[in-house]
């Protein structure tokens, strides 16, 4: 599992490569919070290369969404595969997150 972060305009893009699980969720959370502390406010988490997210991974996304919104920012998700899309629908998290089919659509939604 690796995370890569880069800027595109005023959006911080986080690419998640692998699984978002209990063993690595804190790294993702800390890296996003560090960027938030630096003044970044727009975040896009791209799951194009992600096959699995466990409950702790979902919890971190919910926590990050709340913190980012409290600071006047926005969090978008993109490229969920069919299994992940179903997971978000079953947990009703699709109503909490703005989820786009592609990175480009997510970027345009800010």
PDB file of N, CA and C in Angstrom:
ATOM      1  N   UNK A   1       0.824  -1.176   0.000  1.00  0.00           N
ATOM      2  CA  UNK A   1       0.000   0.000   0.000  1.00  0.00           C
ATOM      3  C   UNK A   1       0.868   1.239   0.000  1.00  0.00           C
ATOM      4  N   UNK A   2       0.624   2.115  -0.934  1.00  0.00           N
ATOM      5  CA  UNK A   2       1.338   3.385  -0.965  1.00  0.00           C
ATOM      6  C   UNK A   2       0.346   4.523  -1.214  1.00  0.00           C
ATOM      7  N   UNK A   3       0.727   5.691  -0.734  1.00  0.00           N
ATOM      8  CA  UNK A   3      -0.026   6.911  -0.992  1.00  0.00           C
ATOM      9  C   UNK A   3       0.902   7.869  -1.713  1.00  0.00           C
ATOM     10  N   UNK A   4       0.405   8.508  -2.749  1.00  0.00           N
ATOM     11  CA  UNK A   4       1.180   9.579  -3.346  1.00  0.00           C
ATOM     12  C   UNK A   4       0.293  10.813  -3.374  1.00  0.00           C
ATOM     13  N   UNK A   5       0.930  11.947  -3.098  1.00  0.00           N
ATOM     14  CA  UNK A   5       0.191  13.204  -3.051  1.00  0.00           C
ATOM     15  C   UNK A   5       0.821  14.184  -4.021  1.00  0.00           C
ATOM     16  N   UNK A   6      -0.046  14.930  -4.704  1.00  0.00           N
ATOM     17  CA  UNK A   6       0.446  15.980  -5.579  1.00  0.00           C
ATOM     18  C   UNK A   6      -0.634  17.043  -5.720  1.00  0.00           C
ATOM     19  N   UNK A   7      -0.224  18.182  -6.210  1.00  0.00           N
ATOM     20  CA  UNK A   7      -1.150  19.296  -6.383  1.00  0.00           C
ATOM     21  C   UNK A   7      -1.533  19.422  -7.852  1.00  0.00           C
ATOM     22  N   UNK A   8      -2.787  19.701  -8.092  1.00  0.00           N
ATOM     23  CA  UNK A   8      -3.245  20.085  -9.425  1.00  0.00           C
ATOM     24  C   UNK A   8      -4.086  21.337  -9.224  1.00  0.00           C
ATOM     25  N   UNK A   9      -3.516  22.469  -9.584  1.00  0.00           N
ATOM     26  CA  UNK A   9      -4.157  23.738  -9.269  1.00  0.00           C
ATOM     27  C   UNK A   9      -4.183  23.916  -7.763  1.00  0.00           C
ATOM     28  N   UNK A  10      -5.383  24.160  -7.218  1.00  0.00           N
ATOM     29  CA  UNK A  10      -5.498  24.319  -5.760  1.00  0.00           C
ATOM     30  C   UNK A  10      -6.054  23.063  -5.087  1.00  0.00           C
ATOM     31  N   UNK A  11      -6.009  21.932  -5.804  1.00  0.00           N
ATOM     32  CA  UNK A  11      -6.519  20.670  -5.265  1.00  0.00           C
ATOM     33  C   UNK A  11      -5.351  19.737  -4.933  1.00  0.00           C
ATOM     34  N   UNK A  12      -5.374  19.173  -3.736  1.00  0.00           N
ATOM     35  CA  UNK A  12      -4.398  18.157  -3.346  1.00  0.00           C
ATOM     36  C   UNK A  12      -4.983  16.796  -3.696  1.00  0.00           C
ATOM     37  N   UNK A  13      -4.296  16.086  -4.577  1.00  0.00           N
ATOM     38  CA  UNK A  13      -4.761  14.773  -5.026  1.00  0.00           C
ATOM     39  C   UNK A  13      -3.983  13.700  -4.275  1.00  0.00           C
ATOM     40  N   UNK A  14      -4.719  12.755  -3.692  1.00  0.00           N
ATOM     41  CA  UNK A  14      -4.122  11.630  -2.982  1.00  0.00           C
ATOM     42  C   UNK A  14      -4.456  10.367  -3.764  1.00  0.00           C
ATOM     43  N   UNK A  15      -3.437   9.712  -4.313  1.00  0.00           N
ATOM     44  CA  UNK A  15      -3.638   8.440  -5.003  1.00  0.00           C
ATOM     45  C   UNK A  15      -3.391   7.317  -4.006  1.00  0.00           C
ATOM     46  N   UNK A  16      -4.364   6.431  -3.867  1.00  0.00           N
ATOM     47  CA  UNK A  16      -4.256   5.289  -2.965  1.00  0.00           C
ATOM     48  C   UNK A  16      -3.999   4.052  -3.822  1.00  0.00           C
ATOM     49  N   UNK A  17      -2.839   3.450  -3.640  1.00  0.00           N
ATOM     50  CA  UNK A  17      -2.437   2.290  -4.432  1.00  0.00           C
ATOM     51  C   UNK A  17      -2.389   1.067  -3.518  1.00  0.00           C
ATOM     52  N   UNK A  18      -3.357   0.176  -3.669  1.00  0.00           N
ATOM     53  CA  UNK A  18      -3.438  -1.013  -2.829  1.00  0.00           C
ATOM     54  C   UNK A  18      -4.700  -0.990  -1.996  1.00  0.00           C
ATOM     55  N   UNK A  19      -4.619  -1.450  -0.770  1.00  0.00           N
ATOM     56  CA  UNK A  19      -5.768  -1.513   0.113  1.00  0.00           C
ATOM     57  C   UNK A  19      -5.687  -0.430   1.188  1.00  0.00           C
ATOM     58  N   UNK A  20      -6.836   0.098   1.548  1.00  0.00           N
ATOM     59  CA  UNK A  20      -6.908   1.049   2.671  1.00  0.00           C
ATOM     60  C   UNK A  20      -7.468   0.274   3.856  1.00  0.00           C
ATOM     61  N   UNK A  21      -6.570  -0.108   4.770  1.00  0.00           N
ATOM     62  CA  UNK A  21      -6.942  -1.008   5.862  1.00  0.00           C
ATOM     63  C   UNK A  21      -6.371  -0.509   7.188  1.00  0.00           C
ATOM     64  N   UNK A  22      -6.662  -1.258   8.249  1.00  0.00           N
ATOM     65  CA  UNK A  22      -6.257  -0.879   9.598  1.00  0.00           C
ATOM     66  C   UNK A  22      -4.757  -0.602   9.693  1.00  0.00           C
ATOM     67  N   UNK A  23      -3.950  -1.323   8.951  1.00  0.00           N
ATOM     68  CA  UNK A  23      -2.497  -1.178   9.055  1.00  0.00           C
ATOM     69  C   UNK A  23      -1.930   0.085   8.463  1.00  0.00           C
ATOM     70  N   UNK A  24      -2.678   0.763   7.575  1.00  0.00           N
ATOM     71  CA  UNK A  24      -2.100   1.945   6.933  1.00  0.00           C
ATOM     72  C   UNK A  24      -2.996   3.180   6.995  1.00  0.00           C
ATOM     73  N   UNK A  25      -4.140   3.057   7.629  1.00  0.00           N
ATOM     74  CA  UNK A  25      -5.084   4.171   7.623  1.00  0.00           C
ATOM     75  C   UNK A  25      -4.529   5.411   8.306  1.00  0.00           C
ATOM     76  N   UNK A  26      -3.724   5.221   9.361  1.00  0.00           N
ATOM     77  CA  UNK A  26      -3.187   6.366  10.092  1.00  0.00           C
ATOM     78  C   UNK A  26      -2.223   7.180   9.229  1.00  0.00           C
ATOM     79  N   UNK A  27      -1.477   6.496   8.363  1.00  0.00           N
ATOM     80  CA  UNK A  27      -0.561   7.217   7.478  1.00  0.00           C
ATOM     81  C   UNK A  27      -1.346   8.147   6.548  1.00  0.00           C
ATOM     82  N   UNK A  28      -2.423   7.635   5.970  1.00  0.00           N
ATOM     83  CA  UNK A  28      -3.257   8.466   5.098  1.00  0.00           C
ATOM     84  C   UNK A  28      -3.815   9.647   5.882  1.00  0.00           C
ATOM     85  N   UNK A  29      -4.362   9.371   7.053  1.00  0.00           N
ATOM     86  CA  UNK A  29      -4.961  10.430   7.867  1.00  0.00           C
ATOM     87  C   UNK A  29      -3.935  11.507   8.201  1.00  0.00           C
ATOM     88  N   UNK A  30      -2.756  11.105   8.636  1.00  0.00           N
ATOM     89  CA  UNK A  30      -1.742  12.070   9.034  1.00  0.00           C
ATOM     90  C   UNK A  30      -1.269  12.920   7.863  1.00  0.00           C
ATOM     91  N   UNK A  31      -1.100  12.290   6.710  1.00  0.00           N
ATOM     92  CA  UNK A  31      -0.624  13.049   5.546  1.00  0.00           C
ATOM     93  C   UNK A  31      -1.646  14.092   5.098  1.00  0.00           C
ATOM     94  N   UNK A  32      -2.923  13.727   5.127  1.00  0.00           N
ATOM     95  CA  UNK A  32      -3.963  14.687   4.752  1.00  0.00           C
ATOM     96  C   UNK A  32      -4.066  15.792   5.800  1.00  0.00           C
ATOM     97  N   UNK A  33      -4.019  15.429   7.081  1.00  0.00           N
ATOM     98  CA  UNK A  33      -4.095  16.448   8.138  1.00  0.00           C
ATOM     99  C   UNK A  33      -2.905  17.400   8.081  1.00  0.00           C
ATOM    100  N   UNK A  34      -1.728  16.889   7.724  1.00  0.00           N
ATOM    101  CA  UNK A  34      -0.556  17.756   7.572  1.00  0.00           C
ATOM    102  C   UNK A  34      -0.801  18.797   6.488  1.00  0.00           C
ATOM    103  N   UNK A  35      -1.386  18.375   5.380  1.00  0.00           N
ATOM    104  CA  UNK A  35      -1.684  19.308   4.290  1.00  0.00           C
ATOM    105  C   UNK A  35      -2.762  20.307   4.718  1.00  0.00           C
ATOM    106  N   UNK A  36      -3.737  19.850   5.478  1.00  0.00           N
ATOM    107  CA  UNK A  36      -4.787  20.728   5.989  1.00  0.00           C
ATOM    108  C   UNK A  36      -4.174  21.797   6.896  1.00  0.00           C
ATOM    109  N   UNK A  37      -3.232  21.382   7.740  1.00  0.00           N
ATOM    110  CA  UNK A  37      -2.544  22.326   8.630  1.00  0.00           C
ATOM    111  C   UNK A  37      -1.739  23.357   7.852  1.00  0.00           C
ATOM    112  N   UNK A  38      -1.274  22.986   6.661  1.00  0.00           N
ATOM    113  CA  UNK A  38      -0.502  23.912   5.819  1.00  0.00           C
ATOM    114  C   UNK A  38      -1.410  24.882   5.062  1.00  0.00           C
ATOM    115  N   UNK A  39      -2.732  24.701   5.201  1.00  0.00           N
ATOM    116  CA  UNK A  39      -3.647  25.627   4.551  1.00  0.00           C
ATOM    117  C   UNK A  39      -4.367  25.075   3.338  1.00  0.00           C
ATOM    118  N   UNK A  40      -4.090  23.835   2.977  1.00  0.00           N
ATOM    119  CA  UNK A  40      -4.806  23.235   1.849  1.00  0.00           C
ATOM    120  C   UNK A  40      -6.252  22.992   2.248  1.00  0.00           C
ATOM    121  N   UNK A  41      -7.182  23.175   1.321  1.00  0.00           N
ATOM    122  CA  UNK A  41      -8.591  23.029   1.655  1.00  0.00           C
ATOM    123  C   UNK A  41      -9.364  22.120   0.692  1.00  0.00           C
ATOM    124  N   UNK A  42      -8.812  21.816  -0.470  1.00  0.00           N
ATOM    125  CA  UNK A  42      -9.506  20.963  -1.440  1.00  0.00           C
ATOM    126  C   UNK A  42      -8.715  19.676  -1.614  1.00  0.00           C
ATOM    127  N   UNK A  43      -9.400  18.559  -1.356  1.00  0.00           N
ATOM    128  CA  UNK A  43      -8.755  17.252  -1.415  1.00  0.00           C
ATOM    129  C   UNK A  43      -9.543  16.302  -2.299  1.00  0.00           C
ATOM    130  N   UNK A  44      -8.816  15.544  -3.111  1.00  0.00           N
ATOM    131  CA  UNK A  44      -9.400  14.499  -3.936  1.00  0.00           C
ATOM    132  C   UNK A  44      -8.647  13.214  -3.648  1.00  0.00           C
ATOM    133  N   UNK A  45      -9.374  12.194  -3.181  1.00  0.00           N
ATOM    134  CA  UNK A  45      -8.773  10.883  -2.956  1.00  0.00           C
ATOM    135  C   UNK A  45      -9.187  10.007  -4.126  1.00  0.00           C
ATOM    136  N   UNK A  46      -8.186   9.537  -4.880  1.00  0.00           N
ATOM    137  CA  UNK A  46      -8.420   8.733  -6.080  1.00  0.00           C
ATOM    138  C   UNK A  46      -8.157   7.267  -5.754  1.00  0.00           C
ATOM    139  N   UNK A  47      -9.193   6.449  -5.942  1.00  0.00           N
ATOM    140  CA  UNK A  47      -9.115   5.023  -5.612  1.00  0.00           C
ATOM    141  C   UNK A  47      -8.979   4.143  -6.855  1.00  0.00           C
ATOM    142  N   UNK A  48      -8.446   4.705  -7.942  1.00  0.00           N
ATOM    143  CA  UNK A  48      -8.336   3.941  -9.187  1.00  0.00           C
ATOM    144  C   UNK A  48      -7.544   2.643  -9.004  1.00  0.00           C
ATOM    145  N   UNK A  49      -6.527   2.665  -8.144  1.00  0.00           N
ATOM    146  CA  UNK A  49      -5.669   1.499  -7.942  1.00  0.00           C
ATOM    147  C   UNK A  49      -5.935   0.821  -6.597  1.00  0.00           C
ATOM    148  N   UNK A  50      -7.164   0.995  -6.077  1.00  0.00           N
ATOM    149  CA  UNK A  50      -7.523   0.439  -4.775  1.00  0.00           C
ATOM    150  C   UNK A  50      -8.558  -0.663  -4.960  1.00  0.00           C
ATOM    151  N   UNK A  51      -8.301  -1.821  -4.372  1.00  0.00           N
ATOM    152  CA  UNK A  51      -9.230  -2.927  -4.500  1.00  0.00           C
ATOM    153  C   UNK A  51     -10.068  -3.165  -3.271  1.00  0.00           C
ATOM    154  N   UNK A  52      -9.647  -2.644  -2.124  1.00  0.00           N
ATOM    155  CA  UNK A  52     -10.341  -2.989  -0.886  1.00  0.00           C
ATOM    156  C   UNK A  52     -10.166  -1.879   0.142  1.00  0.00           C
ATOM    157  N   UNK A  53     -11.258  -1.587   0.853  1.00  0.00           N
ATOM    158  CA  UNK A  53     -11.234  -0.663   1.985  1.00  0.00           C
ATOM    159  C   UNK A  53     -11.965  -1.355   3.126  1.00  0.00           C
ATOM    160  N   UNK A  54     -11.310  -1.483   4.288  1.00  0.00           N
ATOM    161  CA  UNK A  54     -11.987  -2.109   5.426  1.00  0.00           C
ATOM    162  C   UNK A  54     -12.707  -1.038   6.252  1.00  0.00           C
ATOM    163  N   UNK A  55     -13.358  -1.476   7.323  1.00  0.00           N
ATOM    164  CA  UNK A  55     -14.168  -0.547   8.115  1.00  0.00           C
ATOM    165  C   UNK A  55     -13.326   0.558   8.739  1.00  0.00           C
ATOM    166  N   UNK A  56     -12.084   0.247   9.114  1.00  0.00           N
ATOM    167  CA  UNK A  56     -11.235   1.297   9.688  1.00  0.00           C
ATOM    168  C   UNK A  56     -10.846   2.317   8.620  1.00  0.00           C
ATOM    169  N   UNK A  57     -10.679   1.860   7.387  1.00  0.00           N
ATOM    170  CA  UNK A  57     -10.406   2.777   6.279  1.00  0.00           C
ATOM    171  C   UNK A  57     -11.579   3.704   6.023  1.00  0.00           C
ATOM    172  N   UNK A  58     -12.785   3.141   6.072  1.00  0.00           N
ATOM    173  CA  UNK A  58     -13.989   3.968   5.926  1.00  0.00           C
ATOM    174  C   UNK A  58     -14.075   4.990   7.053  1.00  0.00           C
ATOM    175  N   UNK A  59     -13.737   4.545   8.265  1.00  0.00           N
ATOM    176  CA  UNK A  59     -13.771   5.450   9.413  1.00  0.00           C
ATOM    177  C   UNK A  59     -12.827   6.626   9.260  1.00  0.00           C
ATOM    178  N   UNK A  60     -11.646   6.362   8.720  1.00  0.00           N
ATOM    179  CA  UNK A  60     -10.682   7.443   8.500  1.00  0.00           C
ATOM    180  C   UNK A  60     -11.221   8.432   7.469  1.00  0.00           C
ATOM    181  N   UNK A  61     -11.847   7.938   6.413  1.00  0.00           N
ATOM    182  CA  UNK A  61     -12.410   8.835   5.399  1.00  0.00           C
ATOM    183  C   UNK A  61     -13.504   9.715   5.998  1.00  0.00           C
ATOM    184  N   UNK A  62     -14.352   9.130   6.854  1.00  0.00           N
ATOM    185  CA  UNK A  62     -15.414   9.912   7.509  1.00  0.00           C
ATOM    186  C   UNK A  62     -14.788  10.970   8.419  1.00  0.00           C
ATOM    187  N   UNK A  63     -13.787  10.577   9.185  1.00  0.00           N
ATOM    188  CA  UNK A  63     -13.108  11.508  10.092  1.00  0.00           C
ATOM    189  C   UNK A  63     -12.453  12.649   9.314  1.00  0.00           C
ATOM    190  N   UNK A  64     -11.771  12.315   8.229  1.00  0.00           N
ATOM    191  CA  UNK A  64     -11.128  13.352   7.411  1.00  0.00           C
ATOM    192  C   UNK A  64     -12.162  14.292   6.804  1.00  0.00           C
ATOM    193  N   UNK A  65     -13.260  13.732   6.330  1.00  0.00           N
ATOM    194  CA  UNK A  65     -14.305  14.556   5.734  1.00  0.00           C
ATOM    195  C   UNK A  65     -14.807  15.585   6.745  1.00  0.00           C
ATOM    196  N   UNK A  66     -15.032  15.137   7.965  1.00  0.00           N
ATOM    197  CA  UNK A  66     -15.525  16.044   9.020  1.00  0.00           C
ATOM    198  C   UNK A  66     -14.502  17.143   9.316  1.00  0.00           C
ATOM    199  N   UNK A  67     -13.233  16.756   9.487  1.00  0.00           N
ATOM    200  CA  UNK A  67     -12.188  17.747   9.806  1.00  0.00           C
ATOM    201  C   UNK A  67     -12.021  18.759   8.672  1.00  0.00           C
ATOM    202  N   UNK A  68     -12.029  18.276   7.441  1.00  0.00           N
ATOM    203  CA  UNK A  68     -11.854  19.164   6.288  1.00  0.00           C
ATOM    204  C   UNK A  68     -13.027  20.136   6.194  1.00  0.00           C
ATOM    205  N   UNK A  69     -14.256  19.640   6.380  1.00  0.00           N
ATOM    206  CA  UNK A  69     -15.430  20.515   6.329  1.00  0.00           C
ATOM    207  C   UNK A  69     -15.398  21.552   7.449  1.00  0.00           C
ATOM    208  N   UNK A  70     -14.954  21.139   8.644  1.00  0.00           N
ATOM    209  CA  UNK A  70     -14.871  22.077   9.773  1.00  0.00           C
ATOM    210  C   UNK A  70     -13.922  23.228   9.469  1.00  0.00           C
ATOM    211  N   UNK A  71     -12.932  22.990   8.617  1.00  0.00           N
ATOM    212  CA  UNK A  71     -11.956  24.023   8.260  1.00  0.00           C
ATOM    213  C   UNK A  71     -12.353  24.764   6.981  1.00  0.00           C
ATOM    214  N   UNK A  72     -13.580  24.519   6.508  1.00  0.00           N
ATOM    215  CA  UNK A  72     -14.067  25.211   5.318  1.00  0.00           C
ATOM    216  C   UNK A  72     -13.606  24.586   4.016  1.00  0.00           C
ATOM    217  N   UNK A  73     -13.177  23.352   4.067  1.00  0.00           N
ATOM    218  CA  UNK A  73     -12.678  22.684   2.874  1.00  0.00           C
ATOM    219  C   UNK A  73     -13.661  21.683   2.308  1.00  0.00           C
ATOM    220  N   UNK A  74     -13.177  20.926   1.312  1.00  0.00           N
ATOM    221  CA  UNK A  74     -14.009  19.932   0.646  1.00  0.00           C
ATOM    222  C   UNK A  74     -13.174  18.704   0.319  1.00  0.00           C
ATOM    223  N   UNK A  75     -13.812  17.551   0.427  1.00  0.00           N
ATOM    224  CA  UNK A  75     -13.179  16.277   0.104  1.00  0.00           C
ATOM    225  C   UNK A  75     -14.023  15.583  -0.946  1.00  0.00           C
ATOM    226  N   UNK A  76     -13.382  15.144  -2.023  1.00  0.00           N
ATOM    227  CA  UNK A  76     -14.055  14.401  -3.079  1.00  0.00           C
ATOM    228  C   UNK A  76     -13.370  13.050  -3.227  1.00  0.00           C
ATOM    229  N   UNK A  77     -14.135  12.045  -3.669  1.00  0.00           N
ATOM    230  CA  UNK A  77     -13.603  10.716  -3.950  1.00  0.00           C
ATOM    231  C   UNK A  77     -13.805  10.422  -5.435  1.00  0.00           C
ATOM    232  N   UNK A  78     -12.897   9.637  -6.004  1.00  0.00           N
ATOM    233  CA  UNK A  78     -13.018   9.300  -7.421  1.00  0.00           C
ATOM    234  C   UNK A  78     -12.566   7.873  -7.683  1.00  0.00           C
ATOM    235  N   UNK A  79     -13.086   7.328  -8.778  1.00  0.00           N
ATOM    236  CA  UNK A  79     -12.658   6.042  -9.337  1.00  0.00           C
ATOM    237  C   UNK A  79     -12.873   4.854  -8.408  1.00  0.00           C
ATOM    238  N   UNK A  80     -14.029   4.797  -7.757  1.00  0.00           N
ATOM    239  CA  UNK A  80     -14.354   3.612  -6.962  1.00  0.00           C
ATOM    240  C   UNK A  80     -14.731   2.480  -7.911  1.00  0.00           C
ATOM    241  N   UNK A  81     -14.155   1.292  -7.705  1.00  0.00           N
ATOM    242  CA  UNK A  81     -14.565   0.159  -8.526  1.00  0.00           C
ATOM    243  C   UNK A  81     -15.965  -0.283  -8.092  1.00  0.00           C
ATOM    244  N   UNK A  82     -16.532  -1.265  -8.780  1.00  0.00           N
ATOM    245  CA  UNK A  82     -17.905  -1.675  -8.487  1.00  0.00           C
ATOM    246  C   UNK A  82     -18.072  -2.160  -7.055  1.00  0.00           C
ATOM    247  N   UNK A  83     -17.103  -2.927  -6.545  1.00  0.00           N
ATOM    248  CA  UNK A  83     -17.195  -3.431  -5.174  1.00  0.00           C
ATOM    249  C   UNK A  83     -17.153  -2.294  -4.157  1.00  0.00           C
ATOM    250  N   UNK A  84     -16.252  -1.331  -4.383  1.00  0.00           N
ATOM    251  CA  UNK A  84     -16.162  -0.201  -3.461  1.00  0.00           C
ATOM    252  C   UNK A  84     -17.405   0.675  -3.542  1.00  0.00           C
ATOM    253  N   UNK A  85     -17.915   0.871  -4.735  1.00  0.00           N
ATOM    254  CA  UNK A  85     -19.141   1.670  -4.913  1.00  0.00           C
ATOM    255  C   UNK A  85     -20.280   1.015  -4.123  1.00  0.00           C
ATOM    256  N   UNK A  86     -20.401  -0.320  -4.232  1.00  0.00           N
ATOM    257  CA  UNK A  86     -21.432  -1.053  -3.496  1.00  0.00           C
ATOM    258  C   UNK A  86     -21.240  -0.895  -1.992  1.00  0.00           C
ATOM    259  N   UNK A  87     -19.992  -0.975  -1.527  1.00  0.00           N
ATOM    260  CA  UNK A  87     -19.691  -0.795  -0.104  1.00  0.00           C
ATOM    261  C   UNK A  87     -20.170   0.573   0.376  1.00  0.00           C
ATOM    262  N   UNK A  88     -19.897   1.616  -0.387  1.00  0.00           N
ATOM    263  CA  UNK A  88     -20.319   2.965   0.008  1.00  0.00           C
ATOM    264  C   UNK A  88     -21.845   3.083   0.001  1.00  0.00           C
ATOM    265  N   UNK A  89     -22.503   2.398  -0.936  1.00  0.00           N
ATOM    266  CA  UNK A  89     -23.965   2.442  -0.987  1.00  0.00           C
ATOM    267  C   UNK A  89     -24.576   1.680   0.194  1.00  0.00           C
ATOM    268  N   UNK A  90     -24.041   0.499   0.495  1.00  0.00           N
ATOM    269  CA  UNK A  90     -24.575  -0.306   1.600  1.00  0.00           C
ATOM    270  C   UNK A  90     -24.411   0.384   2.954  1.00  0.00           C
ATOM    271  N   UNK A  91     -23.320   1.115   3.115  1.00  0.00           N
ATOM    272  CA  UNK A  91     -23.067   1.815   4.378  1.00  0.00           C
ATOM    273  C   UNK A  91     -23.651   3.224   4.381  1.00  0.00           C
ATOM    274  N   UNK A  92     -24.321   3.572   3.286  1.00  0.00           N
ATOM    275  CA  UNK A  92     -24.931   4.899   3.112  1.00  0.00           C
ATOM    276  C   UNK A  92     -23.898   6.027   3.079  1.00  0.00           C
ATOM    277  N   UNK A  93     -22.639   5.679   2.932  1.00  0.00           N
ATOM    278  CA  UNK A  93     -21.604   6.709   2.859  1.00  0.00           C
ATOM    279  C   UNK A  93     -21.616   7.429   1.509  1.00  0.00           C
ATOM    280  N   UNK A  94     -22.311   6.879   0.536  1.00  0.00           N
ATOM    281  CA  UNK A  94     -22.440   7.573  -0.749  1.00  0.00           C
ATOM    282  C   UNK A  94     -23.240   8.865  -0.593  1.00  0.00           C
ATOM    283  N   UNK A  95     -23.985   8.975   0.524  1.00  0.00           N
ATOM    284  CA  UNK A  95     -24.730  10.218   0.772  1.00  0.00           C
ATOM    285  C   UNK A  95     -23.860  11.260   1.483  1.00  0.00           C
ATOM    286  N   UNK A  96     -22.774  10.823   2.108  1.00  0.00           N
ATOM    287  CA  UNK A  96     -21.869  11.730   2.814  1.00  0.00           C
ATOM    288  C   UNK A  96     -20.810  12.310   1.875  1.00  0.00           C
ATOM    289  N   UNK A  97     -20.335  11.472   0.951  1.00  0.00           N
ATOM    290  CA  UNK A  97     -19.231  11.868   0.081  1.00  0.00           C
ATOM    291  C   UNK A  97     -19.712  12.237  -1.314  1.00  0.00           C
ATOM    292  N   UNK A  98     -19.014  13.182  -1.914  1.00  0.00           N
ATOM    293  CA  UNK A  98     -19.207  13.500  -3.320  1.00  0.00           C
ATOM    294  C   UNK A  98     -18.284  12.550  -4.083  1.00  0.00           C
ATOM    295  N   UNK A  99     -18.874  11.582  -4.789  1.00  0.00           N
ATOM    296  CA  UNK A  99     -18.106  10.532  -5.467  1.00  0.00           C
ATOM    297  C   UNK A  99     -18.251  10.706  -6.972  1.00  0.00           C
ATOM    298  N   UNK A 100     -17.113  10.783  -7.655  1.00  0.00           N
ATOM    299  CA  UNK A 100     -17.111  10.944  -9.108  1.00  0.00           C
ATOM    300  C   UNK A 100     -16.568   9.683  -9.781  1.00  0.00           C
ATOM    301  N   UNK A 101     -17.020   9.455 -11.010  1.00  0.00           N
ATOM    302  CA  UNK A 101     -16.563   8.289 -11.771  1.00  0.00           C
ATOM    303  C   UNK A 101     -15.119   8.440 -12.226  1.00  0.00           C
ATOM    304  N   UNK A 102     -14.700   9.675 -12.475  1.00  0.00           N
ATOM    305  CA  UNK A 102     -13.348   9.918 -12.970  1.00  0.00           C
ATOM    306  C   UNK A 102     -12.679  11.024 -12.170  1.00  0.00           C
ATOM    307  N   UNK A 103     -11.371  11.057 -12.252  1.00  0.00           N
ATOM    308  CA  UNK A 103     -10.601  12.119 -11.592  1.00  0.00           C
ATOM    309  C   UNK A 103     -10.993  13.476 -12.142  1.00  0.00           C
ATOM    310  N   UNK A 104     -11.147  13.549 -13.463  1.00  0.00           N
ATOM    311  CA  UNK A 104     -11.492  14.832 -14.095  1.00  0.00           C
ATOM    312  C   UNK A 104     -12.830  15.366 -13.608  1.00  0.00           C
ATOM    313  N   UNK A 105     -13.822  14.492 -13.520  1.00  0.00           N
ATOM    314  CA  UNK A 105     -15.139  14.932 -13.031  1.00  0.00           C
ATOM    315  C   UNK A 105     -15.040  15.392 -11.582  1.00  0.00           C
ATOM    316  N   UNK A 106     -14.244  14.707 -10.787  1.00  0.00           N
ATOM    317  CA  UNK A 106     -14.075  15.122  -9.390  1.00  0.00           C
ATOM    318  C   UNK A 106     -13.430  16.490  -9.315  1.00  0.00           C
ATOM    319  N   UNK A 107     -12.406  16.716 -10.122  1.00  0.00           N
ATOM    320  CA  UNK A 107     -11.727  18.010 -10.119  1.00  0.00           C
ATOM    321  C   UNK A 107     -12.678  19.130 -10.541  1.00  0.00           C
ATOM    322  N   UNK A 108     -13.544  18.838 -11.518  1.00  0.00           N
ATOM    323  CA  UNK A 108     -14.485  19.833 -12.000  1.00  0.00           C
ATOM    324  C   UNK A 108     -15.568  20.145 -10.962  1.00  0.00           C
ATOM    325  N   UNK A 109     -15.755  19.261  -9.972  1.00  0.00           N
ATOM    326  CA  UNK A 109     -16.852  19.449  -9.018  1.00  0.00           C
ATOM    327  C   UNK A 109     -16.507  20.421  -7.887  1.00  0.00           C
ATOM    328  N   UNK A 110     -15.248  20.852  -7.799  1.00  0.00           N
ATOM    329  CA  UNK A 110     -14.864  21.777  -6.739  1.00  0.00           C
ATOM    330  C   UNK A 110     -15.353  23.183  -7.043  1.00  0.00           C
TER     331      UNK A 110
END
